[in-house]
Amino acid sequence: MNAHILPGIRDIAPAMIALRHDIHAHPELGFEEVETRSRVIRCLRDWGYEIHEGLGVTGVVGTLRRGEGPCIGLRADMDALPIQETTGLPWASRVEGKMHACGHDGHTAMLLAAACELARRDSFSGTVHLIFQPAEEGKGGAKRMLDDGLFRLFPCDAIFAMHNMPGFPVGQLGFRPGPFMASGDTAVIRIHATGGHGAVPDKAVDPVVVAASLVMALQSVVARNVSPLDMAVVTVGAILAGEAPNVIPESAEMRLSIRALRPEVRALLRQRIEALAEAQAAGFGARAEVDYQYGYPVLINDASATALARQVALDWLGEDGVAAEMPPLTGSEDFAFWLEQVPGCYLIIGNGDGEGGCMVHNPGYDFNDDVLPVGASYWVKLVERYLGGAAGDGQ
């Protein structure tokens, strides 16, 4: 894999890794990425990019123009997670209760390394928009940037994003056309019943019993309402009710995570969850109130953009550098909002598959520095191919 790294990227890799460590040590949550934004702006300004701030509160767009031609957008997310780090690394988080547990520090550093190399090249014709997005972790920073006019101000003919993936070999790239990541919705079900003394349950309507029954009934949605050929997830992540063992509470609250890989299945899940909640509650003499909250849509990769992105990887790394088959993922990603507006591709890059590694969103996770120069080199290769440079023809 190291043999494929571009010489210019290899030269700056130590500096970009040091930058990644600095970002990692100073994590910032969604819409709070003030210092991270400043680091990004300083780099882009030094390399001659046009800078635009303010989209999505703390978002940054750096633009590089090389004559006439198409416009390509590359995105990196910048936010951290509210997790206490346990890695013990020299560059571990110095901020209590916050850490880069998803590799967004690495994504930012990869795109900056590519930005540095692209600024030194004159081997393509067109415009590159480098988009540093805030608040991917559940706060919808991508949607906020859209609402602030992202593609009106910075039109793109295609848009691409990359995410590290533990469990895949270091630097291996994975692509999948069509639905790739699930929608991510939330439902809060409030069961209104009749409280009473725990010693005389016949004088009350117990919302805990209703909730328990509903948990079991909800399993039938995936098992019996969704086609076996489709993916769906209905997870009851929390049940909140009562304080004392001898008191039947007046209400209970259930919090659900709901995911699907097709918009039709997404709509079906809402219909069945609402109907089951109301019917189960009524059957016990209670009432259910469902607050259904749409989150991130299904992430659907454009077939042509994905084919181009995959071919760039194959031509550069060969078959060993590209995952033979990339299964769809049940996680969610707000890049999906952008793919509803502009054709593009969301791809993964392997973070390592050795023993001792862990999945993202884990307090022991760290982005693999060996991935950084590979991902940065790929971004350069993709831009040059898309914009008709030395790496191949354009679109």
Protein backbone atom coordinates (compact mmCIF):
# COMPACT_ATOMS: atom_id res chain seq x y z
CA MET A 1 0.00 0.00 0.00
CA ASN A 2 2.84 2.45 0.83
CA ALA A 3 4.21 2.12 -2.70
CA HIS A 4 1.03 3.74 -4.04
CA ILE A 5 1.20 6.85 -1.86
CA LEU A 6 1.89 9.98 -3.90
CA PRO A 7 5.38 11.41 -3.25
CA GLY A 8 4.00 14.82 -2.31
CA ILE A 9 1.63 13.26 0.21
CA ARG A 10 4.44 11.11 1.63
CA ASP A 11 6.50 14.26 2.21
CA ILE A 12 3.80 16.04 4.21
CA ALA A 13 2.38 12.96 5.96
CA PRO A 14 4.32 13.52 9.23
CA ALA A 15 3.01 17.08 9.47
CA MET A 16 -0.56 16.00 8.70
CA ILE A 17 -0.36 13.19 11.27
CA ALA A 18 0.87 15.71 13.85
CA LEU A 19 -2.09 17.93 12.94
CA ARG A 20 -4.42 14.95 13.35
CA HIS A 21 -2.99 14.28 16.81
CA ASP A 22 -3.52 17.92 17.76
CA ILE A 23 -7.14 17.84 16.62
CA HIS A 24 -7.62 14.55 18.46
CA ALA A 25 -6.25 16.02 21.68
CA HIS A 26 -8.66 18.96 21.48
CA PRO A 27 -12.04 17.47 20.45
CA GLU A 28 -15.07 19.66 19.89
CA LEU A 29 -18.70 18.57 19.68
CA GLY A 30 -21.12 19.42 16.88
CA PHE A 31 -21.51 23.14 16.08
CA GLU A 32 -18.71 23.87 18.59
CA GLU A 33 -15.76 23.14 16.24
CA VAL A 34 -14.30 26.64 16.57
CA GLU A 35 -10.64 25.69 17.05
CA THR A 36 -10.84 22.88 14.51
CA ARG A 37 -12.30 25.32 12.02
CA SER A 38 -9.44 27.77 12.72
CA ARG A 39 -6.84 25.07 12.04
CA VAL A 40 -8.56 24.17 8.77
CA ILE A 41 -8.77 27.80 7.65
CA ARG A 42 -5.12 28.50 8.44
CA CYS A 43 -4.01 25.58 6.31
CA LEU A 44 -6.29 26.33 3.38
CA ARG A 45 -5.39 30.01 3.39
CA ASP A 46 -1.67 29.22 3.39
CA TRP A 47 -2.18 27.00 0.34
CA GLY A 48 -4.08 29.63 -1.63
CA TYR A 49 -7.70 28.47 -1.31
CA GLU A 50 -10.69 30.78 -1.38
CA ILE A 51 -12.25 30.53 2.09
CA HIS A 52 -15.92 30.70 3.00
CA GLU A 53 -17.05 30.47 6.64
CA GLY A 54 -20.41 30.38 8.35
CA LEU A 55 -22.34 27.67 6.56
CA GLY A 56 -23.78 25.37 9.18
CA VAL A 57 -22.47 27.58 12.00
CA THR A 58 -18.90 26.24 12.03
CA GLY A 59 -18.60 24.82 8.51
CA VAL A 60 -15.80 25.77 6.13
CA VAL A 61 -15.58 25.55 2.34
CA GLY A 62 -12.22 25.91 0.59
CA THR A 63 -12.32 26.43 -3.18
CA LEU A 64 -9.55 25.81 -5.70
CA ARG A 65 -10.06 26.84 -9.33
CA ARG A 66 -8.04 25.59 -12.27
CA GLY A 67 -9.52 26.99 -15.48
CA GLU A 68 -12.80 25.82 -16.98
CA GLY A 69 -14.42 22.50 -16.24
CA PRO A 70 -16.71 20.59 -13.88
CA CYS A 71 -17.03 21.16 -10.14
CA ILE A 72 -16.27 18.37 -7.69
CA GLY A 73 -16.95 18.45 -3.95
CA LEU A 74 -15.08 16.48 -1.28
CA ARG A 75 -16.35 16.39 2.28
CA ALA A 76 -14.78 15.72 5.68
CA ASP A 77 -16.65 15.81 8.99
CA MET A 78 -15.01 17.55 11.97
CA ASP A 79 -17.01 16.87 15.16
CA ALA A 80 -16.20 14.66 18.13
CA LEU A 81 -18.41 12.59 20.45
CA PRO A 82 -19.43 12.97 24.13
CA ILE A 83 -17.32 9.97 25.23
CA GLN A 84 -14.57 9.73 27.86
CA GLU A 85 -11.42 8.45 26.11
CA THR A 86 -9.57 5.45 27.55
CA THR A 87 -6.79 4.91 24.97
CA GLY A 88 -3.98 6.33 27.10
CA LEU A 89 -2.24 7.56 23.94
CA PRO A 90 0.11 10.57 24.04
CA TRP A 91 -2.40 12.49 21.92
CA ALA A 92 -5.45 11.34 23.86
CA SER A 93 -8.24 13.83 24.48
CA ARG A 94 -7.43 16.58 26.95
CA VAL A 95 -11.09 17.53 27.25
CA GLU A 96 -13.14 15.73 29.87
CA GLY A 97 -16.00 13.71 28.41
CA LYS A 98 -15.19 14.40 24.75
CA MET A 99 -13.16 12.43 22.23
CA HIS A 100 -12.71 11.74 18.53
CA ALA A 101 -14.19 8.26 18.75
CA CYS A 102 -15.27 8.10 15.10
CA GLY A 103 -12.15 9.25 13.24
CA HIS A 104 -13.36 12.65 12.13
CA ASP A 105 -9.96 14.00 13.16
CA GLY A 106 -8.47 11.64 10.58
CA HIS A 107 -11.03 12.56 7.93
CA THR A 108 -10.20 16.24 8.40
CA ALA A 109 -6.45 15.63 8.25
CA MET A 110 -6.79 13.43 5.14
CA LEU A 111 -8.70 16.10 3.26
CA LEU A 112 -6.23 18.78 4.34
CA ALA A 113 -3.31 16.66 3.12
CA ALA A 114 -5.09 16.27 -0.22
CA ALA A 115 -5.75 20.02 -0.27
CA CYS A 116 -2.03 20.73 0.12
CA GLU A 117 -1.10 18.39 -2.73
CA LEU A 118 -3.87 19.61 -5.03
CA ALA A 119 -2.77 23.23 -4.53
CA ARG A 120 0.67 22.30 -5.87
CA ARG A 121 -0.71 20.66 -9.00
CA ASP A 122 -1.86 22.07 -12.30
CA SER A 123 -2.89 18.74 -13.78
CA PHE A 124 -6.65 19.21 -14.01
CA SER A 125 -9.21 21.71 -15.24
CA GLY A 126 -12.20 22.64 -13.13
CA THR A 127 -13.16 23.58 -9.60
CA VAL A 128 -12.63 21.72 -6.34
CA HIS A 129 -14.79 22.53 -3.31
CA LEU A 130 -13.40 21.07 -0.10
CA ILE A 131 -16.21 21.00 2.46
CA PHE A 132 -15.40 20.67 6.15
CA GLN A 133 -18.70 19.83 7.78
CA PRO A 134 -19.68 20.24 11.43
CA ALA A 135 -22.05 18.20 13.56
CA GLU A 136 -22.37 14.92 11.69
CA GLU A 137 -22.92 12.98 14.92
CA GLY A 138 -26.68 13.16 15.18
CA LYS A 139 -27.09 16.92 14.84
CA GLY A 140 -27.52 17.08 11.09
CA GLY A 141 -24.72 19.47 10.20
CA ALA A 142 -25.01 18.46 6.55
CA LYS A 143 -28.68 19.50 6.51
CA ARG A 144 -27.81 22.77 8.22
CA MET A 145 -25.20 23.56 5.55
CA LEU A 146 -27.77 22.73 2.86
CA ASP A 147 -30.31 25.06 4.45
CA ASP A 148 -27.65 27.78 4.49
CA GLY A 149 -27.26 27.47 0.70
CA LEU A 150 -24.32 25.09 0.28
CA PHE A 151 -25.01 23.98 -3.28
CA ARG A 152 -26.47 27.32 -4.31
CA LEU A 153 -23.22 29.03 -3.33
CA PHE A 154 -20.94 26.14 -4.27
CA PRO A 155 -22.60 24.12 -7.03
CA CYS A 156 -21.09 20.67 -7.52
CA ASP A 157 -21.49 18.25 -10.40
CA ALA A 158 -20.57 15.41 -8.05
CA ILE A 159 -19.88 15.07 -4.33
CA PHE A 160 -17.81 12.49 -2.45
CA ALA A 161 -17.11 11.56 1.17
CA MET A 162 -14.96 8.93 2.87
CA HIS A 163 -15.25 7.27 6.29
CA ASN A 164 -12.77 4.99 8.03
CA MET A 165 -13.98 1.47 8.83
CA PRO A 166 -12.40 -0.79 11.47
CA GLY A 167 -12.37 -4.44 10.48
CA PHE A 168 -11.12 -3.81 6.94
CA PRO A 169 -7.41 -3.92 5.97
CA VAL A 170 -5.58 -0.62 6.38
CA GLY A 171 -6.23 1.62 3.39
CA GLN A 172 -8.51 -0.79 1.54
CA LEU A 173 -11.35 1.08 -0.15
CA GLY A 174 -14.95 -0.08 -0.27
CA PHE A 175 -17.73 1.02 -2.62
CA ARG A 176 -21.40 0.15 -3.07
CA PRO A 177 -23.83 1.72 -5.56
CA GLY A 178 -27.41 2.36 -4.52
CA PRO A 179 -28.61 2.19 -0.91
CA PHE A 180 -25.48 1.98 1.26
CA MET A 181 -26.41 3.29 4.71
CA ALA A 182 -29.71 3.10 6.52
CA SER A 183 -32.10 5.86 7.41
CA GLY A 184 -31.96 6.75 11.08
CA ASP A 185 -35.20 7.78 12.79
CA THR A 186 -36.33 8.03 16.41
CA ALA A 187 -39.70 7.44 18.03
CA VAL A 188 -40.65 8.41 21.57
CA ILE A 189 -43.76 6.53 22.75
CA ARG A 190 -45.45 7.91 25.85
CA ILE A 191 -47.96 5.58 27.50
CA HIS A 192 -50.56 7.37 29.61
CA ALA A 193 -52.26 5.08 32.14
CA THR A 194 -53.60 5.20 35.72
CA GLY A 195 -51.18 5.14 38.63
CA GLY A 196 -51.80 3.46 41.93
CA HIS A 197 -50.46 1.42 44.83
CA GLY A 198 -48.32 -1.55 43.90
CA ALA A 199 -50.26 -3.71 46.37
CA VAL A 200 -53.57 -3.21 44.56
CA PRO A 201 -52.77 -3.36 40.83
CA ASP A 202 -56.41 -4.03 39.98
CA LYS A 203 -57.17 -0.42 40.90
CA ALA A 204 -54.68 0.91 38.37
CA VAL A 205 -53.68 0.58 34.71
CA ASP A 206 -49.99 -0.27 34.68
CA PRO A 207 -48.02 1.51 31.90
CA VAL A 208 -45.00 -0.72 32.58
CA VAL A 209 -47.02 -3.79 31.58
CA VAL A 210 -48.19 -1.95 28.46
CA ALA A 211 -44.59 -1.06 27.60
CA ALA A 212 -43.43 -4.64 28.15
CA SER A 213 -46.15 -5.97 25.90
CA LEU A 214 -45.37 -3.38 23.27
CA VAL A 215 -41.66 -4.31 23.27
CA MET A 216 -42.62 -7.84 22.29
CA ALA A 217 -45.23 -6.71 19.77
CA LEU A 218 -42.70 -4.45 18.04
CA GLN A 219 -40.55 -7.48 17.23
CA SER A 220 -43.27 -8.59 14.84
CA VAL A 221 -42.78 -5.49 12.68
CA VAL A 222 -39.43 -6.68 11.32
CA ALA A 223 -40.27 -10.37 11.58
CA ARG A 224 -43.70 -10.28 9.96
CA ASN A 225 -44.37 -6.94 8.24
CA VAL A 226 -41.08 -6.30 6.44
CA SER A 227 -40.09 -8.57 3.56
CA PRO A 228 -37.30 -11.02 4.48
CA LEU A 229 -35.39 -9.58 1.52
CA ASP A 230 -35.34 -6.09 3.06
CA MET A 231 -33.36 -4.72 6.00
CA ALA A 232 -35.09 -3.09 8.96
CA VAL A 233 -34.17 -2.42 12.58
CA VAL A 234 -36.50 -1.48 15.44
CA THR A 235 -34.57 -1.16 18.69
CA VAL A 236 -36.11 -0.16 22.01
CA GLY A 237 -33.15 1.57 23.59
CA ALA A 238 -34.80 2.90 26.74
CA ILE A 239 -37.88 2.44 28.91
CA LEU A 240 -38.42 5.08 31.59
CA ALA A 241 -41.11 4.63 34.21
CA GLY A 242 -41.63 5.06 37.91
CA GLU A 243 -39.35 5.62 40.90
CA ALA A 244 -40.46 3.27 43.70
CA PRO A 245 -41.05 -0.50 43.77
CA ASN A 246 -44.47 -0.18 45.42
CA VAL A 247 -45.89 2.51 43.14
CA ILE A 248 -47.52 1.92 39.77
CA PRO A 249 -46.62 5.02 37.77
CA GLU A 250 -49.07 7.04 35.72
CA SER A 251 -46.95 6.94 32.58
CA ALA A 252 -44.04 5.26 30.85
CA GLU A 253 -41.81 6.40 28.03
CA MET A 254 -40.16 4.24 25.39
CA ARG A 255 -37.38 5.45 23.09
CA LEU A 256 -36.86 3.67 19.79
CA SER A 257 -34.16 3.70 17.11
CA ILE A 258 -35.57 2.80 13.67
CA ARG A 259 -33.57 2.05 10.53
CA ALA A 260 -34.24 0.96 6.95
CA LEU A 261 -32.43 0.75 3.61
CA ARG A 262 -35.41 1.62 1.43
CA PRO A 263 -37.72 4.65 1.69
CA GLU A 264 -40.78 2.38 1.31
CA VAL A 265 -39.69 0.26 4.26
CA ARG A 266 -38.98 3.41 6.24
CA ALA A 267 -42.58 4.54 5.72
CA LEU A 268 -43.93 1.09 6.60
CA LEU A 269 -42.02 1.03 9.89
CA ARG A 270 -43.62 4.28 11.00
CA GLN A 271 -47.10 3.08 10.07
CA ARG A 272 -46.77 -0.20 11.96
CA ILE A 273 -45.09 1.27 15.05
CA GLU A 274 -47.81 3.89 15.47
CA ALA A 275 -50.59 1.37 14.91
CA LEU A 276 -49.13 -1.17 17.34
CA ALA A 277 -48.53 1.43 20.04
CA GLU A 278 -52.10 2.67 19.89
CA ALA A 279 -53.61 -0.83 19.75
CA GLN A 280 -51.49 -2.30 22.55
CA ALA A 281 -52.21 0.64 24.85
CA ALA A 282 -55.95 0.54 24.11
CA GLY A 283 -56.03 -3.18 24.83
CA PHE A 284 -54.91 -2.47 28.42
CA GLY A 285 -57.11 0.57 28.89
CA ALA A 286 -54.28 3.05 28.42
CA ARG A 287 -53.44 5.60 25.74
CA ALA A 288 -50.27 5.87 23.60
CA GLU A 289 -48.82 9.06 22.19
CA VAL A 290 -46.13 8.59 19.49
CA ASP A 291 -43.64 11.35 18.71
CA TYR A 292 -42.04 10.10 15.49
CA GLN A 293 -38.91 12.03 14.53
CA TYR A 294 -37.40 11.67 11.08
CA GLY A 295 -33.60 11.80 11.18
CA TYR A 296 -31.15 10.99 8.41
CA PRO A 297 -32.56 9.59 5.13
CA VAL A 298 -31.32 6.46 3.38
CA LEU A 299 -27.88 7.14 1.90
CA ILE A 300 -28.11 6.26 -1.80
CA ASN A 301 -24.91 6.31 -3.86
CA ASP A 302 -25.23 7.34 -7.49
CA ALA A 303 -24.35 4.39 -9.73
CA SER A 304 -22.22 6.35 -12.22
CA ALA A 305 -20.32 8.33 -9.59
CA THR A 306 -19.69 5.16 -7.59
CA ALA A 307 -18.46 3.28 -10.67
CA LEU A 308 -16.03 6.10 -11.44
CA ALA A 309 -14.80 6.31 -7.84
CA ARG A 310 -14.29 2.54 -7.70
CA GLN A 311 -12.47 2.45 -11.03
CA VAL A 312 -10.05 5.13 -9.85
CA ALA A 313 -9.24 2.94 -6.85
CA LEU A 314 -8.84 -0.19 -8.98
CA ASP A 315 -6.55 1.53 -11.47
CA TRP A 316 -4.44 2.93 -8.66
CA LEU A 317 -4.36 0.16 -6.03
CA GLY A 318 -5.36 -2.93 -7.99
CA GLU A 319 -7.90 -5.51 -6.87
CA ASP A 320 -6.21 -6.13 -3.51
CA GLY A 321 -6.76 -2.49 -2.57
CA VAL A 322 -10.52 -2.57 -3.17
CA ALA A 323 -13.06 -4.62 -1.21
CA ALA A 324 -14.55 -7.24 -3.53
CA GLU A 325 -18.02 -6.83 -2.07
CA MET A 326 -19.15 -4.06 0.22
CA PRO A 327 -22.32 -4.90 2.16
CA PRO A 328 -24.81 -2.17 3.07
CA LEU A 329 -24.39 -0.67 6.53
CA THR A 330 -27.12 -0.24 9.15
CA GLY A 331 -25.57 2.92 10.55
CA SER A 332 -26.76 6.33 9.37
CA GLU A 333 -24.94 9.30 7.87
CA ASP A 334 -26.12 12.83 7.17
CA PHE A 335 -24.14 12.95 3.91
CA ALA A 336 -27.34 11.30 2.65
CA PHE A 337 -28.99 14.75 2.57
CA TRP A 338 -26.40 15.94 0.04
CA LEU A 339 -26.79 12.84 -2.12
CA GLU A 340 -30.49 13.71 -2.43
CA GLN A 341 -29.38 16.96 -4.12
CA VAL A 342 -26.20 16.03 -6.02
CA PRO A 343 -25.01 12.71 -7.48
CA GLY A 344 -22.05 11.27 -5.65
CA CYS A 345 -20.53 8.48 -3.62
CA TYR A 346 -19.87 7.75 0.03
CA LEU A 347 -17.05 5.23 0.40
CA ILE A 348 -15.15 3.56 3.21
CA ILE A 349 -11.42 3.17 3.88
CA GLY A 350 -10.15 0.37 6.09
CA ASN A 351 -8.82 1.36 9.52
CA GLY A 352 -7.24 -2.06 10.20
CA ASP A 353 -8.41 -5.58 10.88
CA GLY A 354 -5.88 -6.81 13.44
CA GLU A 355 -6.52 -8.03 16.97
CA GLY A 356 -7.06 -5.38 19.60
CA GLY A 357 -8.84 -3.00 17.27
CA CYS A 358 -12.30 -1.79 18.12
CA MET A 359 -15.28 -0.30 16.37
CA VAL A 360 -15.92 3.42 16.20
CA HIS A 361 -17.88 5.11 19.02
CA ASN A 362 -15.79 3.12 21.50
CA PRO A 363 -13.71 4.86 24.23
CA GLY A 364 -10.70 2.80 23.15
CA TYR A 365 -10.84 3.72 19.46
CA ASP A 366 -8.22 5.70 17.54
CA PHE A 367 -7.90 6.58 13.87
CA ASN A 368 -5.03 4.65 12.24
CA ASP A 369 -2.35 7.09 11.08
CA ASP A 370 -1.26 4.70 8.31
CA VAL A 371 -4.61 5.33 6.65
CA LEU A 372 -4.09 9.07 6.31
CA PRO A 373 -1.63 9.20 3.37
CA VAL A 374 -3.59 6.52 1.50
CA GLY A 375 -6.87 8.38 1.82
CA ALA A 376 -5.26 11.71 0.92
CA SER A 377 -3.62 10.21 -2.17
CA TYR A 378 -6.93 8.74 -3.25
CA TRP A 379 -8.63 12.12 -3.02
CA VAL A 380 -5.99 13.59 -5.34
CA LYS A 381 -6.37 10.70 -7.78
CA LEU A 382 -10.15 11.08 -7.80
CA VAL A 383 -10.03 14.83 -8.42
CA GLU A 384 -7.59 14.45 -11.28
CA ARG A 385 -9.68 11.72 -12.88
CA TYR A 386 -12.95 13.59 -12.51
CA LEU A 387 -11.51 16.89 -13.71
CA GLY A 388 -9.72 15.28 -16.66
CA GLY A 389 -6.15 15.43 -15.37
CA ALA A 390 -3.13 13.17 -15.47
CA ALA A 391 -4.88 10.34 -13.65
CA GLY A 392 -7.23 9.75 -16.57
CA ASP A 393 -10.16 11.16 -18.45
CA GLY A 394 -12.84 13.32 -16.88
CA GLN A 395 -16.41 12.31 -16.24
